[in-house]
Amino acid sequence: MAFRETSDFDAPVPGMSLTHEVGARPWQTPPEFVSIEEALDYYIPRLTDTNYMGRLIDIIETKIPLTSIADTLTLGGVMQGLHTIDVAVLVNPILVELMEGIAKNAEVDYVVGDDEGIDDAPDSMLIKKAMKKIDNMDISSVVEPEKNNDVESKSSGLMSRRGEK
């Protein structure tokens, strides 16, 4: 039996040829920002930009939790290769505090999203109010009656049944 010079551990992973090269994806390269301070230097000017801040306030007004907004921003940063996931986790609370300050300055109601006792069931009074609005609406003008097309289609394809014509 001949001595084998290559190791089984040096073999390619099954399916490796079906993916991109290692390092071709942004998250496979070294991050641009390796510290929390560098990541904050990236996010804070963008969040406090006057053009972006108006859109951010609109999002906050819709009661999307600030934690979800921060998670979305930092996840995008990870996927772009700006920073690692651990930096994102450490930056998130700071971004939430920043957005909370922006919302307070704009006098906008906001939801932080870290409340322990949140009940997922909607308020019953809100449901009743919505149902009253629906009951009072005249939807006949909105809903267009379906047109009845009695056109028979003849199937003659490969998968059609034999008795049909």
N, C-alpha and C. Protein backbone atom coordinates (compact mmCIF):
# COMPACT_ATOMS: atom_id res chain seq x y z
N MET A 1 0.84 -1.17 0.00
CA MET A 1 0.00 0.00 0.00
C MET A 1 0.89 1.24 0.00
N ALA A 2 0.63 2.15 -0.89
CA ALA A 2 1.45 3.34 -1.05
C ALA A 2 1.07 4.39 0.00
N PHE A 3 2.07 5.17 0.41
CA PHE A 3 1.84 6.23 1.37
C PHE A 3 1.13 7.40 0.70
N ARG A 4 0.14 7.90 1.33
CA ARG A 4 -0.65 9.01 0.80
C ARG A 4 -0.07 10.33 1.29
N GLU A 5 0.26 11.23 0.38
CA GLU A 5 0.88 12.50 0.76
C GLU A 5 -0.15 13.58 1.08
N THR A 6 -1.36 13.44 0.63
CA THR A 6 -2.38 14.46 0.91
C THR A 6 -3.31 13.97 2.00
N SER A 7 -3.84 14.88 2.73
CA SER A 7 -4.74 14.56 3.83
C SER A 7 -6.19 14.66 3.36
N ASP A 8 -7.06 13.86 3.97
CA ASP A 8 -8.49 13.95 3.66
C ASP A 8 -9.07 15.29 4.11
N PHE A 9 -8.41 15.92 5.05
CA PHE A 9 -8.90 17.19 5.57
C PHE A 9 -8.63 18.36 4.63
N ASP A 10 -7.77 18.16 3.65
CA ASP A 10 -7.46 19.20 2.68
C ASP A 10 -8.40 19.18 1.49
N ALA A 11 -9.30 18.24 1.45
CA ALA A 11 -10.23 18.10 0.33
C ALA A 11 -11.27 19.21 0.38
N PRO A 12 -11.82 19.58 -0.78
CA PRO A 12 -12.86 20.61 -0.78
C PRO A 12 -14.15 20.10 -0.13
N VAL A 13 -14.90 21.02 0.41
CA VAL A 13 -16.18 20.70 1.04
C VAL A 13 -17.18 20.38 -0.06
N PRO A 14 -18.03 19.38 0.11
CA PRO A 14 -19.03 19.08 -0.92
C PRO A 14 -19.91 20.30 -1.20
N GLY A 15 -20.07 20.63 -2.46
CA GLY A 15 -20.87 21.78 -2.86
C GLY A 15 -20.08 23.08 -2.93
N MET A 16 -18.81 23.02 -2.62
CA MET A 16 -17.99 24.22 -2.61
C MET A 16 -17.90 24.87 -3.99
N SER A 17 -17.95 24.06 -5.02
CA SER A 17 -17.85 24.62 -6.37
C SER A 17 -19.11 25.37 -6.77
N LEU A 18 -20.18 25.19 -6.02
CA LEU A 18 -21.44 25.85 -6.34
C LEU A 18 -21.58 27.19 -5.66
N THR A 19 -20.61 27.59 -4.88
CA THR A 19 -20.67 28.86 -4.17
C THR A 19 -19.57 29.77 -4.67
N HIS A 20 -19.56 30.97 -4.15
CA HIS A 20 -18.52 31.93 -4.51
C HIS A 20 -17.23 31.61 -3.77
N GLU A 21 -16.16 32.20 -4.23
CA GLU A 21 -14.87 32.01 -3.60
C GLU A 21 -14.90 32.57 -2.19
N VAL A 22 -14.09 32.02 -1.33
CA VAL A 22 -13.97 32.54 0.02
C VAL A 22 -13.40 33.95 -0.06
N GLY A 23 -14.05 34.86 0.61
CA GLY A 23 -13.62 36.25 0.59
C GLY A 23 -14.34 37.08 -0.45
N ALA A 24 -15.17 36.46 -1.27
CA ALA A 24 -15.88 37.21 -2.29
C ALA A 24 -17.09 37.94 -1.73
N ARG A 25 -17.59 37.53 -0.59
CA ARG A 25 -18.74 38.16 0.06
C ARG A 25 -18.24 39.20 1.05
N PRO A 26 -18.98 40.31 1.20
CA PRO A 26 -18.51 41.38 2.10
C PRO A 26 -18.30 40.92 3.54
N TRP A 27 -19.13 40.00 4.04
CA TRP A 27 -18.99 39.56 5.43
C TRP A 27 -17.85 38.57 5.62
N GLN A 28 -17.20 38.16 4.52
CA GLN A 28 -16.07 37.24 4.63
C GLN A 28 -14.73 37.97 4.59
N THR A 29 -14.78 39.27 4.46
CA THR A 29 -13.56 40.07 4.45
C THR A 29 -13.40 40.74 5.81
N PRO A 30 -12.23 41.21 6.14
CA PRO A 30 -12.07 41.92 7.41
C PRO A 30 -12.98 43.16 7.44
N PRO A 31 -13.58 43.43 8.60
CA PRO A 31 -14.52 44.56 8.68
C PRO A 31 -13.81 45.89 8.57
N GLU A 32 -14.58 46.88 8.11
CA GLU A 32 -14.04 48.24 8.01
C GLU A 32 -13.84 48.84 9.39
N PHE A 33 -14.82 48.62 10.29
CA PHE A 33 -14.78 49.18 11.64
C PHE A 33 -14.64 48.05 12.64
N VAL A 34 -13.58 48.11 13.43
CA VAL A 34 -13.32 47.03 14.37
C VAL A 34 -13.67 47.40 15.81
N SER A 35 -13.95 48.65 16.06
CA SER A 35 -14.29 49.06 17.42
C SER A 35 -15.67 49.70 17.44
N ILE A 36 -16.22 49.79 18.64
CA ILE A 36 -17.53 50.41 18.82
C ILE A 36 -17.47 51.89 18.43
N GLU A 37 -16.39 52.55 18.77
CA GLU A 37 -16.25 53.98 18.46
C GLU A 37 -16.27 54.23 16.96
N GLU A 38 -15.58 53.38 16.21
CA GLU A 38 -15.55 53.53 14.75
C GLU A 38 -16.94 53.30 14.16
N ALA A 39 -17.65 52.31 14.68
CA ALA A 39 -19.00 52.04 14.18
C ALA A 39 -19.93 53.19 14.51
N LEU A 40 -19.80 53.75 15.70
CA LEU A 40 -20.64 54.90 16.07
C LEU A 40 -20.31 56.12 15.23
N ASP A 41 -19.03 56.29 14.90
CA ASP A 41 -18.65 57.39 14.01
C ASP A 41 -19.28 57.23 12.63
N TYR A 42 -19.65 56.03 12.27
CA TYR A 42 -20.34 55.78 11.00
C TYR A 42 -21.84 56.03 11.14
N TYR A 43 -22.46 55.51 12.20
CA TYR A 43 -23.92 55.56 12.33
C TYR A 43 -24.47 56.92 12.79
N ILE A 44 -23.81 57.56 13.75
CA ILE A 44 -24.36 58.78 14.33
C ILE A 44 -24.52 59.91 13.30
N PRO A 45 -23.53 60.19 12.46
CA PRO A 45 -23.76 61.25 11.46
C PRO A 45 -24.90 60.91 10.49
N ARG A 46 -25.08 59.64 10.19
CA ARG A 46 -26.16 59.26 9.28
C ARG A 46 -27.53 59.41 9.93
N LEU A 47 -27.64 59.02 11.19
CA LEU A 47 -28.92 59.14 11.88
C LEU A 47 -29.29 60.58 12.19
N THR A 48 -28.29 61.44 12.37
CA THR A 48 -28.57 62.84 12.69
C THR A 48 -28.58 63.75 11.46
N ASP A 49 -28.38 63.18 10.29
CA ASP A 49 -28.47 63.95 9.04
C ASP A 49 -29.91 64.43 8.87
N THR A 50 -30.10 65.68 8.47
CA THR A 50 -31.45 66.25 8.39
C THR A 50 -32.33 65.53 7.37
N ASN A 51 -31.77 65.08 6.27
CA ASN A 51 -32.56 64.36 5.27
C ASN A 51 -33.03 63.00 5.80
N TYR A 52 -32.14 62.31 6.49
CA TYR A 52 -32.46 60.98 7.01
C TYR A 52 -33.33 61.05 8.25
N MET A 53 -33.14 62.10 9.05
CA MET A 53 -33.87 62.21 10.31
C MET A 53 -35.38 62.32 10.08
N GLY A 54 -35.79 63.01 9.04
CA GLY A 54 -37.23 63.11 8.74
C GLY A 54 -37.83 61.75 8.45
N ARG A 55 -37.13 60.94 7.68
CA ARG A 55 -37.62 59.59 7.40
C ARG A 55 -37.61 58.72 8.65
N LEU A 56 -36.58 58.90 9.49
CA LEU A 56 -36.49 58.14 10.73
C LEU A 56 -37.65 58.49 11.66
N ILE A 57 -38.00 59.76 11.75
CA ILE A 57 -39.12 60.18 12.60
C ILE A 57 -40.42 59.61 12.06
N ASP A 58 -40.57 59.57 10.75
CA ASP A 58 -41.77 58.96 10.16
C ASP A 58 -41.87 57.49 10.54
N ILE A 59 -40.74 56.79 10.54
CA ILE A 59 -40.73 55.37 10.91
C ILE A 59 -41.06 55.21 12.39
N ILE A 60 -40.50 56.08 13.22
CA ILE A 60 -40.75 56.00 14.66
C ILE A 60 -42.23 56.27 14.97
N GLU A 61 -42.86 57.18 14.22
CA GLU A 61 -44.28 57.49 14.43
C GLU A 61 -45.18 56.30 14.17
N THR A 62 -44.74 55.36 13.35
CA THR A 62 -45.56 54.18 13.06
C THR A 62 -45.49 53.15 14.18
N LYS A 63 -44.81 53.47 15.26
CA LYS A 63 -44.70 52.62 16.45
C LYS A 63 -43.87 51.36 16.22
N ILE A 64 -42.98 51.40 15.25
CA ILE A 64 -42.02 50.30 15.10
C ILE A 64 -41.02 50.44 16.24
N PRO A 65 -40.76 49.39 16.99
CA PRO A 65 -39.85 49.50 18.13
C PRO A 65 -38.46 49.98 17.71
N LEU A 66 -37.90 50.84 18.55
CA LEU A 66 -36.57 51.38 18.27
C LEU A 66 -35.52 50.28 18.23
N THR A 67 -35.73 49.23 19.03
CA THR A 67 -34.78 48.12 19.01
C THR A 67 -34.80 47.42 17.65
N SER A 68 -35.96 47.32 17.03
CA SER A 68 -36.05 46.69 15.70
C SER A 68 -35.36 47.54 14.64
N ILE A 69 -35.51 48.85 14.76
CA ILE A 69 -34.85 49.75 13.80
C ILE A 69 -33.33 49.64 13.94
N ALA A 70 -32.86 49.65 15.18
CA ALA A 70 -31.41 49.54 15.41
C ALA A 70 -30.89 48.19 14.93
N ASP A 71 -31.64 47.12 15.20
CA ASP A 71 -31.22 45.79 14.72
C ASP A 71 -31.12 45.75 13.20
N THR A 72 -32.08 46.37 12.54
CA THR A 72 -32.08 46.39 11.07
C THR A 72 -30.89 47.16 10.54
N LEU A 73 -30.61 48.31 11.13
CA LEU A 73 -29.46 49.11 10.68
C LEU A 73 -28.14 48.36 10.85
N THR A 74 -27.95 47.77 12.02
CA THR A 74 -26.67 47.12 12.27
C THR A 74 -26.55 45.79 11.52
N LEU A 75 -27.66 45.11 11.30
CA LEU A 75 -27.60 43.89 10.49
C LEU A 75 -27.17 44.22 9.06
N GLY A 76 -27.69 45.33 8.54
CA GLY A 76 -27.25 45.78 7.22
C GLY A 76 -25.76 46.10 7.21
N GLY A 77 -25.26 46.68 8.30
CA GLY A 77 -23.84 46.96 8.41
C GLY A 77 -23.00 45.70 8.43
N VAL A 78 -23.50 44.67 9.09
CA VAL A 78 -22.79 43.38 9.12
C VAL A 78 -22.76 42.78 7.72
N MET A 79 -23.90 42.81 7.04
CA MET A 79 -23.98 42.20 5.70
C MET A 79 -23.13 42.96 4.69
N GLN A 80 -22.92 44.26 4.90
CA GLN A 80 -22.07 45.04 4.01
C GLN A 80 -20.59 44.91 4.35
N GLY A 81 -20.30 44.24 5.46
CA GLY A 81 -18.92 44.07 5.87
C GLY A 81 -18.35 45.27 6.59
N LEU A 82 -19.23 46.16 7.10
CA LEU A 82 -18.75 47.34 7.81
C LEU A 82 -18.18 46.98 9.18
N HIS A 83 -18.85 46.07 9.87
CA HIS A 83 -18.41 45.65 11.20
C HIS A 83 -18.89 44.23 11.46
N THR A 84 -18.43 43.66 12.56
CA THR A 84 -18.80 42.29 12.90
C THR A 84 -20.11 42.30 13.69
N ILE A 85 -20.67 41.11 13.87
CA ILE A 85 -21.94 40.99 14.58
C ILE A 85 -21.79 41.37 16.05
N ASP A 86 -20.63 41.11 16.65
CA ASP A 86 -20.44 41.47 18.05
C ASP A 86 -20.40 42.99 18.23
N VAL A 87 -19.83 43.70 17.29
CA VAL A 87 -19.86 45.16 17.34
C VAL A 87 -21.30 45.65 17.17
N ALA A 88 -22.07 44.99 16.32
CA ALA A 88 -23.47 45.37 16.13
C ALA A 88 -24.26 45.22 17.41
N VAL A 89 -24.04 44.12 18.13
CA VAL A 89 -24.76 43.89 19.39
C VAL A 89 -24.38 44.95 20.42
N LEU A 90 -23.14 45.37 20.44
CA LEU A 90 -22.69 46.38 21.40
C LEU A 90 -23.12 47.79 21.02
N VAL A 91 -23.33 48.05 19.74
CA VAL A 91 -23.72 49.37 19.27
C VAL A 91 -25.24 49.59 19.37
N ASN A 92 -26.01 48.51 19.29
CA ASN A 92 -27.47 48.63 19.27
C ASN A 92 -28.05 49.46 20.42
N PRO A 93 -27.69 49.22 21.69
CA PRO A 93 -28.28 50.03 22.75
C PRO A 93 -27.98 51.52 22.63
N ILE A 94 -26.81 51.84 22.13
CA ILE A 94 -26.44 53.24 21.96
C ILE A 94 -27.30 53.87 20.87
N LEU A 95 -27.52 53.14 19.77
CA LEU A 95 -28.37 53.65 18.70
C LEU A 95 -29.82 53.82 19.17
N VAL A 96 -30.29 52.90 20.01
CA VAL A 96 -31.64 53.02 20.55
C VAL A 96 -31.76 54.28 21.40
N GLU A 97 -30.76 54.55 22.23
CA GLU A 97 -30.77 55.77 23.05
C GLU A 97 -30.75 57.02 22.17
N LEU A 98 -29.96 56.98 21.10
CA LEU A 98 -29.90 58.11 20.17
C LEU A 98 -31.26 58.35 19.52
N MET A 99 -31.90 57.28 19.05
CA MET A 99 -33.21 57.42 18.41
C MET A 99 -34.27 57.85 19.42
N GLU A 100 -34.12 57.42 20.65
CA GLU A 100 -35.04 57.85 21.70
C GLU A 100 -34.91 59.36 21.92
N GLY A 101 -33.69 59.86 21.93
CA GLY A 101 -33.47 61.30 22.06
C GLY A 101 -34.03 62.07 20.87
N ILE A 102 -33.86 61.53 19.67
CA ILE A 102 -34.40 62.17 18.47
C ILE A 102 -35.93 62.24 18.56
N ALA A 103 -36.55 61.16 19.01
CA ALA A 103 -38.01 61.12 19.13
C ALA A 103 -38.50 62.09 20.19
N LYS A 104 -37.78 62.18 21.31
CA LYS A 104 -38.17 63.14 22.35
C LYS A 104 -38.06 64.57 21.86
N ASN A 105 -36.98 64.89 21.14
CA ASN A 105 -36.81 66.24 20.62
C ASN A 105 -37.87 66.59 19.59
N ALA A 106 -38.32 65.60 18.83
CA ALA A 106 -39.35 65.83 17.82
C ALA A 106 -40.75 65.73 18.41
N GLU A 107 -40.83 65.43 19.73
CA GLU A 107 -42.09 65.28 20.44
C GLU A 107 -42.99 64.24 19.77
N VAL A 108 -42.38 63.09 19.49
CA VAL A 108 -43.07 61.98 18.83
C VAL A 108 -43.16 60.83 19.83
N ASP A 109 -44.33 60.19 19.89
CA ASP A 109 -44.47 59.00 20.73
C ASP A 109 -43.69 57.87 20.08
N TYR A 110 -43.04 57.09 20.90
CA TYR A 110 -42.20 56.01 20.38
C TYR A 110 -42.34 54.78 21.25
N VAL A 111 -41.93 53.65 20.69
CA VAL A 111 -41.91 52.38 21.41
C VAL A 111 -40.48 51.89 21.42
N VAL A 112 -39.95 51.64 22.62
CA VAL A 112 -38.56 51.20 22.71
C VAL A 112 -38.45 49.75 22.26
N GLY A 113 -39.34 48.88 22.76
CA GLY A 113 -39.34 47.50 22.30
C GLY A 113 -38.67 46.53 23.23
N ASP A 114 -38.21 46.99 24.38
CA ASP A 114 -37.57 46.08 25.31
C ASP A 114 -38.43 45.82 26.54
N ASP A 115 -39.71 46.12 26.47
CA ASP A 115 -40.62 45.91 27.59
C ASP A 115 -40.82 44.42 27.82
N GLU A 116 -40.74 44.03 29.08
CA GLU A 116 -40.87 42.62 29.44
C GLU A 116 -42.31 42.14 29.35
N GLY A 117 -43.26 42.92 29.82
CA GLY A 117 -44.63 42.45 29.93
C GLY A 117 -45.52 42.86 28.77
N ILE A 118 -45.02 42.83 27.57
CA ILE A 118 -45.82 43.20 26.41
C ILE A 118 -46.79 42.08 26.10
N ASP A 119 -48.06 42.45 25.98
CA ASP A 119 -49.09 41.48 25.63
C ASP A 119 -49.26 41.53 24.11
N ASP A 120 -49.10 40.40 23.46
CA ASP A 120 -49.19 40.38 22.00
C ASP A 120 -50.61 40.52 21.49
N ALA A 121 -51.59 40.30 22.33
CA ALA A 121 -52.98 40.41 21.91
C ALA A 121 -53.34 41.89 21.75
N PRO A 122 -54.01 42.26 20.65
CA PRO A 122 -54.40 43.65 20.47
C PRO A 122 -55.47 44.05 21.48
N ASP A 123 -55.57 45.33 21.75
CA ASP A 123 -56.54 45.86 22.69
C ASP A 123 -57.95 45.61 22.17
N SER A 124 -58.82 45.10 23.03
CA SER A 124 -60.19 44.78 22.60
C SER A 124 -60.97 46.02 22.20
N MET A 125 -60.68 47.16 22.82
CA MET A 125 -61.37 48.41 22.45
C MET A 125 -60.98 48.83 21.03
N LEU A 126 -59.72 48.63 20.66
CA LEU A 126 -59.29 48.97 19.31
C LEU A 126 -59.97 48.07 18.28
N ILE A 127 -60.14 46.79 18.64
CA ILE A 127 -60.81 45.86 17.74
C ILE A 127 -62.26 46.29 17.53
N LYS A 128 -62.96 46.64 18.62
CA LYS A 128 -64.36 47.09 18.52
C LYS A 128 -64.47 48.35 17.69
N LYS A 129 -63.55 49.27 17.88
CA LYS A 129 -63.56 50.52 17.11
C LYS A 129 -63.36 50.25 15.62
N ALA A 130 -62.43 49.36 15.31
CA ALA A 130 -62.18 49.02 13.91
C ALA A 130 -63.38 48.32 13.30
N MET A 131 -64.03 47.44 14.05
CA MET A 131 -65.21 46.73 13.54
C MET A 131 -66.37 47.68 13.28
N LYS A 132 -66.53 48.71 14.13
CA LYS A 132 -67.59 49.70 13.90
C LYS A 132 -67.33 50.47 12.61
N LYS A 133 -66.07 50.81 12.36
CA LYS A 133 -65.73 51.52 11.13
C LYS A 133 -66.02 50.65 9.92
N ILE A 134 -65.72 49.37 10.01
CA ILE A 134 -65.97 48.46 8.89
C ILE A 134 -67.46 48.30 8.66
N ASP A 135 -68.25 48.20 9.76
CA ASP A 135 -69.70 48.04 9.62
C ASP A 135 -70.36 49.25 8.97
N ASN A 136 -69.82 50.44 9.22
CA ASN A 136 -70.41 51.66 8.68
C ASN A 136 -69.97 51.97 7.26
N MET A 137 -69.00 51.23 6.75
CA MET A 137 -68.49 51.50 5.40
C MET A 137 -69.39 50.90 4.34
N ASP A 138 -69.51 51.60 3.22
CA ASP A 138 -70.21 51.07 2.07
C ASP A 138 -69.16 50.60 1.09
N ILE A 139 -68.93 49.28 1.07
CA ILE A 139 -67.85 48.75 0.25
C ILE A 139 -68.31 48.33 -1.13
N SER A 140 -69.60 48.53 -1.43
CA SER A 140 -70.09 48.10 -2.74
C SER A 140 -69.48 48.93 -3.86
N SER A 141 -69.13 50.18 -3.57
CA SER A 141 -68.51 51.01 -4.60
C SER A 141 -67.03 50.67 -4.77
N VAL A 142 -66.44 50.09 -3.75
CA VAL A 142 -65.02 49.75 -3.81
C VAL A 142 -64.80 48.41 -4.49
N VAL A 143 -65.64 47.45 -4.13
CA VAL A 143 -65.49 46.11 -4.67
C VAL A 143 -66.21 46.03 -6.00
N GLU A 144 -65.49 45.66 -7.02
CA GLU A 144 -66.07 45.53 -8.35
C GLU A 144 -66.63 44.12 -8.50
N PRO A 145 -67.87 43.99 -8.96
CA PRO A 145 -68.41 42.65 -9.12
C PRO A 145 -67.59 41.86 -10.14
N GLU A 146 -67.43 40.57 -9.83
CA GLU A 146 -66.65 39.72 -10.73
C GLU A 146 -67.43 39.48 -12.02
N LYS A 147 -66.72 39.55 -13.09
CA LYS A 147 -67.34 39.27 -14.38
C LYS A 147 -67.32 37.77 -14.60
N ASN A 148 -68.44 37.23 -15.02
CA ASN A 148 -68.55 35.80 -15.21
C ASN A 148 -68.20 35.47 -16.65
N ASN A 149 -67.06 34.92 -16.83
CA ASN A 149 -66.63 34.53 -18.17
C ASN A 149 -66.88 33.04 -18.33
N ASP A 150 -67.83 32.70 -19.19
CA ASP A 150 -68.15 31.29 -19.41
C ASP A 150 -67.40 30.73 -20.61
N VAL A 151 -66.22 31.22 -20.81
CA VAL A 151 -65.42 30.74 -21.93
C VAL A 151 -64.77 29.43 -21.49
N GLU A 152 -65.02 28.40 -22.25
CA GLU A 152 -64.43 27.11 -21.94
C GLU A 152 -63.04 27.04 -22.57
N SER A 153 -62.12 26.56 -21.79
CA SER A 153 -60.78 26.41 -22.34
C SER A 153 -60.57 24.93 -22.65
N LYS A 154 -60.06 24.71 -23.81
CA LYS A 154 -59.80 23.34 -24.24
C LYS A 154 -58.37 23.01 -23.88
N SER A 155 -58.21 21.92 -23.15
CA SER A 155 -56.87 21.51 -22.78
C SER A 155 -56.44 20.38 -23.70
N SER A 156 -55.32 20.58 -24.28
CA SER A 156 -54.81 19.54 -25.17
C SER A 156 -53.33 19.31 -24.92
N GLY A 157 -52.90 19.65 -23.73
CA GLY A 157 -51.49 19.52 -23.42
C GLY A 157 -51.13 18.11 -22.98
N LEU A 158 -49.90 17.95 -22.64
CA LEU A 158 -49.35 16.67 -22.23
C LEU A 158 -50.01 16.16 -20.95
N MET A 159 -50.36 17.05 -20.05
CA MET A 159 -50.90 16.65 -18.76
C MET A 159 -52.43 16.67 -18.73
N SER A 160 -53.11 16.89 -19.86
CA SER A 160 -54.58 16.93 -19.86
C SER A 160 -55.12 15.53 -19.74
N ARG A 161 -56.34 15.44 -19.24
CA ARG A 161 -56.97 14.12 -19.09
C ARG A 161 -57.39 13.60 -20.43
N ARG A 162 -57.45 12.32 -20.55
CA ARG A 162 -57.73 11.69 -21.85
C ARG A 162 -59.15 11.91 -22.31
N GLY A 163 -60.13 11.94 -21.38
CA GLY A 163 -61.52 12.06 -21.78
C GLY A 163 -61.91 13.48 -22.13
N GLU A 164 -61.07 14.49 -21.79
CA GLU A 164 -61.42 15.89 -22.04
C GLU A 164 -61.05 16.30 -23.45
N LYS A 165 -61.85 17.18 -23.99
CA LYS A 165 -61.55 17.71 -25.33
C LYS A 165 -61.60 19.20 -25.32
